[in-house]
Amino acid sequence: MNRAIEKEQRQESILLSLKKLDYLTRSQIQVLHGLKSARNAQRVMKELETYVSHFRDGENVYYLNSEGRERVSATKIRKKTIQAKHFIMRNSIYIGYGSPSTWRNEIRLGFKEEKKTRVVCDALFQQDKRYHIVEADHTQKMSKNRIKIEKYRRLIELGFFETKPCFIWITTTEFRRKQLTKLLDGLDYRIFTVNDFH
């Protein structure tokens, strides 16, 4: 294949990843797009600077700018924000689970007529005909997590899911992992910390 076409396709696929995942670190882009070294990844992203903006948070964090959004028809406007950490944590799960094709972000779950059970998960994907619900616990108050988990328990009781879902949480510390373990007791869950992905 022609080098120029290959380069164009790689650039397009990186921009589409940013459209889908909002924010990506240099190392996440490197893994997702098979860029061999950090230096190579930085060179590739430098070539894309017309379409992407970045800021540093340990390493470069990239997101689409207005030209990038236009090129891949993205509607969500992203800016430099401390909230980016939340997206990056969620994306660690996406990469860790092999970039599932069924992956969708920010999905509302629940019954229309039962407002009390409605909940928005950070991401959702299907594997082996079973839903996996992803939650990134960055700076969330534990009381908020408790309320969310109670809503999930209620949805399971009401038969919202054909098969009991698997809950995948990613959090920041071992202490928070312990707290979540107590809250999720009796459910099928996996809890990771950000350190599990470095």
C-alpha atoms as a PDB file:
ATOM      1  CA  MET A   1       0.000   0.000   0.000  1.00  0.00           C
ATOM      2  CA  ASN A   2       1.077   3.528  -0.775  1.00  0.00           C
ATOM      3  CA  ARG A   3       2.817   5.183   2.256  1.00  0.00           C
ATOM      4  CA  ALA A   4       0.692   8.352   1.936  1.00  0.00           C
ATOM      5  CA  ILE A   5      -2.571   6.361   1.947  1.00  0.00           C
ATOM      6  CA  GLU A   6      -1.364   4.320   4.924  1.00  0.00           C
ATOM      7  CA  LYS A   7      -0.508   7.506   6.842  1.00  0.00           C
ATOM      8  CA  GLU A   8      -3.887   9.050   5.966  1.00  0.00           C
ATOM      9  CA  GLN A   9      -5.730   5.940   7.198  1.00  0.00           C
ATOM     10  CA  ARG A  10      -3.776   5.870  10.461  1.00  0.00           C
ATOM     11  CA  GLN A  11      -4.499   9.545  11.084  1.00  0.00           C
ATOM     12  CA  GLU A  12      -8.191   9.012  10.363  1.00  0.00           C
ATOM     13  CA  SER A  13      -8.391   6.064  12.755  1.00  0.00           C
ATOM     14  CA  ILE A  14      -6.661   8.043  15.557  1.00  0.00           C
ATOM     15  CA  LEU A  15      -9.115  10.919  15.074  1.00  0.00           C
ATOM     16  CA  LEU A  16     -12.030   8.450  15.159  1.00  0.00           C
ATOM     17  CA  SER A  17     -10.659   6.975  18.411  1.00  0.00           C
ATOM     18  CA  LEU A  18     -10.634  10.472  19.911  1.00  0.00           C
ATOM     19  CA  LYS A  19     -14.201  11.004  18.681  1.00  0.00           C
ATOM     20  CA  LYS A  20     -15.288   7.773  20.384  1.00  0.00           C
ATOM     21  CA  LEU A  21     -13.251   8.072  23.591  1.00  0.00           C
ATOM     22  CA  ASP A  22     -13.076  11.885  24.119  1.00  0.00           C
ATOM     23  CA  TYR A  23      -9.568  12.065  25.659  1.00  0.00           C
ATOM     24  CA  LEU A  24      -6.596   9.748  25.155  1.00  0.00           C
ATOM     25  CA  THR A  25      -3.108   9.815  26.608  1.00  0.00           C
ATOM     26  CA  ARG A  26      -0.087   9.384  24.378  1.00  0.00           C
ATOM     27  CA  SER A  27       0.480   5.872  25.747  1.00  0.00           C
ATOM     28  CA  GLN A  28      -3.178   4.918  25.170  1.00  0.00           C
ATOM     29  CA  ILE A  29      -2.927   6.064  21.537  1.00  0.00           C
ATOM     30  CA  GLN A  30       0.329   4.126  21.242  1.00  0.00           C
ATOM     31  CA  VAL A  31      -1.369   0.892  22.413  1.00  0.00           C
ATOM     32  CA  LEU A  32      -4.624   1.377  20.487  1.00  0.00           C
ATOM     33  CA  HIS A  33      -2.897   2.128  17.195  1.00  0.00           C
ATOM     34  CA  GLY A  34       0.163  -0.098  17.443  1.00  0.00           C
ATOM     35  CA  LEU A  35       2.676   2.748  17.447  1.00  0.00           C
ATOM     36  CA  LYS A  36       5.915   1.035  18.426  1.00  0.00           C
ATOM     37  CA  SER A  37       7.628   3.645  20.623  1.00  0.00           C
ATOM     38  CA  ALA A  38       6.806   6.769  22.617  1.00  0.00           C
ATOM     39  CA  ARG A  39       8.922   8.799  20.195  1.00  0.00           C
ATOM     40  CA  ASN A  40       7.001   7.414  17.201  1.00  0.00           C
ATOM     41  CA  ALA A  41       3.661   8.149  18.912  1.00  0.00           C
ATOM     42  CA  GLN A  42       4.743  11.733  19.623  1.00  0.00           C
ATOM     43  CA  ARG A  43       5.825  12.193  15.994  1.00  0.00           C
ATOM     44  CA  VAL A  44       2.483  10.859  14.715  1.00  0.00           C
ATOM     45  CA  MET A  45       0.551  13.151  17.062  1.00  0.00           C
ATOM     46  CA  LYS A  46       2.715  16.140  16.049  1.00  0.00           C
ATOM     47  CA  GLU A  47       1.614  15.503  12.447  1.00  0.00           C
ATOM     48  CA  LEU A  48      -1.999  15.661  13.669  1.00  0.00           C
ATOM     49  CA  GLU A  49      -1.685  18.978  15.515  1.00  0.00           C
ATOM     50  CA  THR A  50      -4.000  20.706  13.014  1.00  0.00           C
ATOM     51  CA  TYR A  51      -6.807  18.456  14.310  1.00  0.00           C
ATOM     52  CA  VAL A  52      -5.958  17.840  17.957  1.00  0.00           C
ATOM     53  CA  SER A  53      -5.158  19.869  21.045  1.00  0.00           C
ATOM     54  CA  HIS A  54      -3.336  18.543  24.086  1.00  0.00           C
ATOM     55  CA  PHE A  55      -2.296  19.330  27.627  1.00  0.00           C
ATOM     56  CA  ARG A  56       0.036  17.615  30.047  1.00  0.00           C
ATOM     57  CA  ASP A  57      -1.113  15.482  32.945  1.00  0.00           C
ATOM     58  CA  GLY A  58       1.886  13.225  33.590  1.00  0.00           C
ATOM     59  CA  GLU A  59       2.001  12.729  29.811  1.00  0.00           C
ATOM     60  CA  ASN A  60       0.282  14.408  26.884  1.00  0.00           C
ATOM     61  CA  VAL A  61      -3.506  14.087  26.855  1.00  0.00           C
ATOM     62  CA  TYR A  62      -5.108  14.618  23.434  1.00  0.00           C
ATOM     63  CA  TYR A  63      -8.596  15.669  22.345  1.00  0.00           C
ATOM     64  CA  LEU A  64     -10.182  16.895  19.104  1.00  0.00           C
ATOM     65  CA  ASN A  65     -10.108  20.631  18.357  1.00  0.00           C
ATOM     66  CA  SER A  66     -12.681  22.297  16.062  1.00  0.00           C
ATOM     67  CA  GLU A  67     -10.873  21.218  12.851  1.00  0.00           C
ATOM     68  CA  GLY A  68     -10.620  17.663  14.172  1.00  0.00           C
ATOM     69  CA  ARG A  69     -14.300  17.601  15.111  1.00  0.00           C
ATOM     70  CA  GLU A  70     -15.193  18.847  11.651  1.00  0.00           C
ATOM     71  CA  ARG A  71     -13.018  16.244   9.926  1.00  0.00           C
ATOM     72  CA  VAL A  72     -14.662  13.280  11.708  1.00  0.00           C
ATOM     73  CA  SER A  73     -18.130  14.831  12.231  1.00  0.00           C
ATOM     74  CA  ALA A  74     -17.829  14.913  16.028  1.00  0.00           C
ATOM     75  CA  THR A  75     -20.384  17.020  17.882  1.00  0.00           C
ATOM     76  CA  LYS A  76     -19.058  16.943  21.459  1.00  0.00           C
ATOM     77  CA  ILE A  77     -16.758  19.828  22.310  1.00  0.00           C
ATOM     78  CA  ARG A  78     -13.930  18.841  24.635  1.00  0.00           C
ATOM     79  CA  LYS A  79     -11.555  21.221  26.402  1.00  0.00           C
ATOM     80  CA  LYS A  80      -8.670  21.018  28.852  1.00  0.00           C
ATOM     81  CA  THR A  81     -10.321  19.934  32.099  1.00  0.00           C
ATOM     82  CA  ILE A  82      -9.550  17.999  35.263  1.00  0.00           C
ATOM     83  CA  GLN A  83     -12.523  15.802  34.288  1.00  0.00           C
ATOM     84  CA  ALA A  84     -10.340  14.325  31.528  1.00  0.00           C
ATOM     85  CA  LYS A  85      -8.876  11.948  34.144  1.00  0.00           C
ATOM     86  CA  HIS A  86     -12.306  10.314  34.455  1.00  0.00           C
ATOM     87  CA  PHE A  87     -12.394   9.596  30.680  1.00  0.00           C
ATOM     88  CA  ILE A  88      -8.801   8.334  30.685  1.00  0.00           C
ATOM     89  CA  MET A  89      -9.624   5.897  33.497  1.00  0.00           C
ATOM     90  CA  ARG A  90     -12.662   4.650  31.583  1.00  0.00           C
ATOM     91  CA  ASN A  91     -10.537   4.255  28.445  1.00  0.00           C
ATOM     92  CA  SER A  92      -8.070   2.065  30.386  1.00  0.00           C
ATOM     93  CA  ILE A  93     -10.925  -0.431  30.755  1.00  0.00           C
ATOM     94  CA  TYR A  94     -11.778  -0.128  27.023  1.00  0.00           C
ATOM     95  CA  ILE A  95      -8.171  -0.946  26.105  1.00  0.00           C
ATOM     96  CA  GLY A  96      -7.777  -3.578  28.847  1.00  0.00           C
ATOM     97  CA  TYR A  97     -10.829  -5.461  27.563  1.00  0.00           C
ATOM     98  CA  GLY A  98      -9.529  -5.473  23.982  1.00  0.00           C
ATOM     99  CA  SER A  99     -11.483  -2.487  22.548  1.00  0.00           C
ATOM    100  CA  PRO A 100     -14.908  -4.209  22.447  1.00  0.00           C
ATOM    101  CA  SER A 101     -16.860  -3.436  19.261  1.00  0.00           C
ATOM    102  CA  THR A 102     -20.087  -3.199  21.320  1.00  0.00           C
ATOM    103  CA  TRP A 103     -18.623  -0.491  23.607  1.00  0.00           C
ATOM    104  CA  ARG A 104     -20.868   2.564  24.131  1.00  0.00           C
ATOM    105  CA  ASN A 105     -20.296   5.540  26.442  1.00  0.00           C
ATOM    106  CA  GLU A 106     -22.723   7.242  28.836  1.00  0.00           C
ATOM    107  CA  ILE A 107     -25.709   4.918  28.464  1.00  0.00           C
ATOM    108  CA  ARG A 108     -28.967   5.519  30.321  1.00  0.00           C
ATOM    109  CA  LEU A 109     -30.367   2.340  31.874  1.00  0.00           C
ATOM    110  CA  GLY A 110     -33.720   1.781  33.551  1.00  0.00           C
ATOM    111  CA  PHE A 111     -37.440   1.729  32.986  1.00  0.00           C
ATOM    112  CA  LYS A 112     -39.091   4.901  31.652  1.00  0.00           C
ATOM    113  CA  GLU A 113     -41.954   4.595  34.110  1.00  0.00           C
ATOM    114  CA  GLU A 114     -39.642   4.059  37.119  1.00  0.00           C
ATOM    115  CA  LYS A 115     -37.642   7.251  37.564  1.00  0.00           C
ATOM    116  CA  LYS A 116     -36.047   5.987  40.786  1.00  0.00           C
ATOM    117  CA  THR A 117     -34.197   3.216  38.964  1.00  0.00           C
ATOM    118  CA  ARG A 118     -32.807   5.271  36.082  1.00  0.00           C
ATOM    119  CA  VAL A 119     -29.037   5.428  36.015  1.00  0.00           C
ATOM    120  CA  VAL A 120     -26.370   6.519  33.519  1.00  0.00           C
ATOM    121  CA  CYS A 121     -23.373   4.204  33.353  1.00  0.00           C
ATOM    122  CA  ASP A 122     -19.987   5.474  32.175  1.00  0.00           C
ATOM    123  CA  ALA A 123     -19.835   2.768  29.524  1.00  0.00           C
ATOM    124  CA  LEU A 124     -21.484  -0.490  28.549  1.00  0.00           C
ATOM    125  CA  PHE A 125     -20.406  -3.391  26.383  1.00  0.00           C
ATOM    126  CA  GLN A 126     -21.484  -6.937  25.682  1.00  0.00           C
ATOM    127  CA  GLN A 127     -19.238  -9.962  25.947  1.00  0.00           C
ATOM    128  CA  ASP A 128     -20.483 -13.556  25.752  1.00  0.00           C
ATOM    129  CA  LYS A 129     -24.092 -12.274  25.459  1.00  0.00           C
ATOM    130  CA  ARG A 130     -23.748 -10.529  28.812  1.00  0.00           C
ATOM    131  CA  TYR A 131     -23.674  -6.842  29.671  1.00  0.00           C
ATOM    132  CA  HIS A 132     -20.588  -5.400  31.311  1.00  0.00           C
ATOM    133  CA  ILE A 133     -21.237  -2.092  33.037  1.00  0.00           C
ATOM    134  CA  VAL A 134     -18.234   0.192  33.394  1.00  0.00           C
ATOM    135  CA  GLU A 135     -17.876   2.847  36.090  1.00  0.00           C
ATOM    136  CA  ALA A 136     -14.884   5.151  36.533  1.00  0.00           C
ATOM    137  CA  ASP A 137     -14.644   6.357  40.129  1.00  0.00           C
ATOM    138  CA  HIS A 138     -12.309   9.334  40.008  1.00  0.00           C
ATOM    139  CA  THR A 139     -13.470  11.987  42.499  1.00  0.00           C
ATOM    140  CA  GLN A 140     -16.963  10.666  43.145  1.00  0.00           C
ATOM    141  CA  LYS A 141     -18.288  10.788  46.717  1.00  0.00           C
ATOM    142  CA  MET A 142     -18.718   7.229  48.031  1.00  0.00           C
ATOM    143  CA  SER A 143     -22.338   8.076  48.931  1.00  0.00           C
ATOM    144  CA  LYS A 144     -22.993   8.726  45.216  1.00  0.00           C
ATOM    145  CA  ASN A 145     -21.469   5.342  44.356  1.00  0.00           C
ATOM    146  CA  ARG A 146     -23.708   3.723  46.984  1.00  0.00           C
ATOM    147  CA  ILE A 147     -26.848   5.273  45.436  1.00  0.00           C
ATOM    148  CA  LYS A 148     -25.787   4.160  41.958  1.00  0.00           C
ATOM    149  CA  ILE A 149     -25.107   0.591  43.098  1.00  0.00           C
ATOM    150  CA  GLU A 150     -28.496   0.472  44.870  1.00  0.00           C
ATOM    151  CA  LYS A 151     -30.150   1.482  41.574  1.00  0.00           C
ATOM    152  CA  TYR A 152     -28.299  -1.306  39.763  1.00  0.00           C
ATOM    153  CA  ARG A 153     -29.442  -3.812  42.406  1.00  0.00           C
ATOM    154  CA  ARG A 154     -33.038  -2.636  41.922  1.00  0.00           C
ATOM    155  CA  LEU A 155     -32.772  -3.012  38.118  1.00  0.00           C
ATOM    156  CA  ILE A 156     -31.503  -6.574  38.591  1.00  0.00           C
ATOM    157  CA  GLU A 157     -34.431  -7.341  40.975  1.00  0.00           C
ATOM    158  CA  LEU A 158     -36.921  -5.917  38.483  1.00  0.00           C
ATOM    159  CA  GLY A 159     -35.511  -8.133  35.704  1.00  0.00           C
ATOM    160  CA  PHE A 160     -34.119  -5.304  33.579  1.00  0.00           C
ATOM    161  CA  PHE A 161     -31.199  -7.517  32.478  1.00  0.00           C
ATOM    162  CA  GLU A 162     -31.746 -10.955  30.910  1.00  0.00           C
ATOM    163  CA  THR A 163     -28.545 -12.174  32.551  1.00  0.00           C
ATOM    164  CA  LYS A 164     -27.001 -10.570  35.626  1.00  0.00           C
ATOM    165  CA  PRO A 165     -24.474  -8.006  34.431  1.00  0.00           C
ATOM    166  CA  CYS A 166     -20.821  -7.889  35.349  1.00  0.00           C
ATOM    167  CA  PHE A 167     -19.752  -4.584  36.928  1.00  0.00           C
ATOM    168  CA  ILE A 168     -16.300  -3.238  36.121  1.00  0.00           C
ATOM    169  CA  TRP A 169     -15.096  -0.395  38.322  1.00  0.00           C
ATOM    170  CA  ILE A 170     -11.876   1.513  38.076  1.00  0.00           C
ATOM    171  CA  THR A 171     -10.860   3.679  41.008  1.00  0.00           C
ATOM    172  CA  THR A 172      -7.855   5.640  42.238  1.00  0.00           C
ATOM    173  CA  THR A 173      -6.680   3.984  45.479  1.00  0.00           C
ATOM    174  CA  GLU A 174      -6.644   0.681  47.349  1.00  0.00           C
ATOM    175  CA  PHE A 175      -8.726   2.326  50.086  1.00  0.00           C
ATOM    176  CA  ARG A 176     -11.452   3.200  47.576  1.00  0.00           C
ATOM    177  CA  ARG A 177     -11.225  -0.309  46.111  1.00  0.00           C
ATOM    178  CA  LYS A 178     -11.985  -1.731  49.591  1.00  0.00           C
ATOM    179  CA  GLN A 179     -14.968   0.592  50.015  1.00  0.00           C
ATOM    180  CA  LEU A 180     -16.362  -0.377  46.601  1.00  0.00           C
ATOM    181  CA  THR A 181     -15.820  -4.076  47.371  1.00  0.00           C
ATOM    182  CA  LYS A 182     -18.175  -3.721  50.369  1.00  0.00           C
ATOM    183  CA  LEU A 183     -20.774  -1.820  48.332  1.00  0.00           C
ATOM    184  CA  LEU A 184     -20.729  -4.351  45.479  1.00  0.00           C
ATOM    185  CA  ASP A 185     -20.987  -7.401  47.740  1.00  0.00           C
ATOM    186  CA  GLY A 186     -23.238 -10.068  46.206  1.00  0.00           C
ATOM    187  CA  LEU A 187     -22.905  -8.713  42.653  1.00  0.00           C
ATOM    188  CA  ASP A 188     -20.567  -9.994  39.947  1.00  0.00           C
ATOM    189  CA  TYR A 189     -17.824  -7.397  39.782  1.00  0.00           C
ATOM    190  CA  ARG A 190     -14.169  -6.624  39.035  1.00  0.00           C
ATOM    191  CA  ILE A 191     -12.487  -3.606  40.598  1.00  0.00           C
ATOM    192  CA  PHE A 192      -9.276  -2.157  39.186  1.00  0.00           C
ATOM    193  CA  THR A 193      -7.168   0.756  40.294  1.00  0.00           C
ATOM    194  CA  VAL A 194      -5.399   3.040  37.847  1.00  0.00           C
ATOM    195  CA  ASN A 195      -2.107   1.393  38.851  1.00  0.00           C
ATOM    196  CA  ASP A 196      -3.317  -1.911  37.403  1.00  0.00           C
ATOM    197  CA  PHE A 197      -2.937  -0.371  33.946  1.00  0.00           C
ATOM    198  CA  HIS A 198       0.618   1.031  34.186  1.00  0.00           C
END
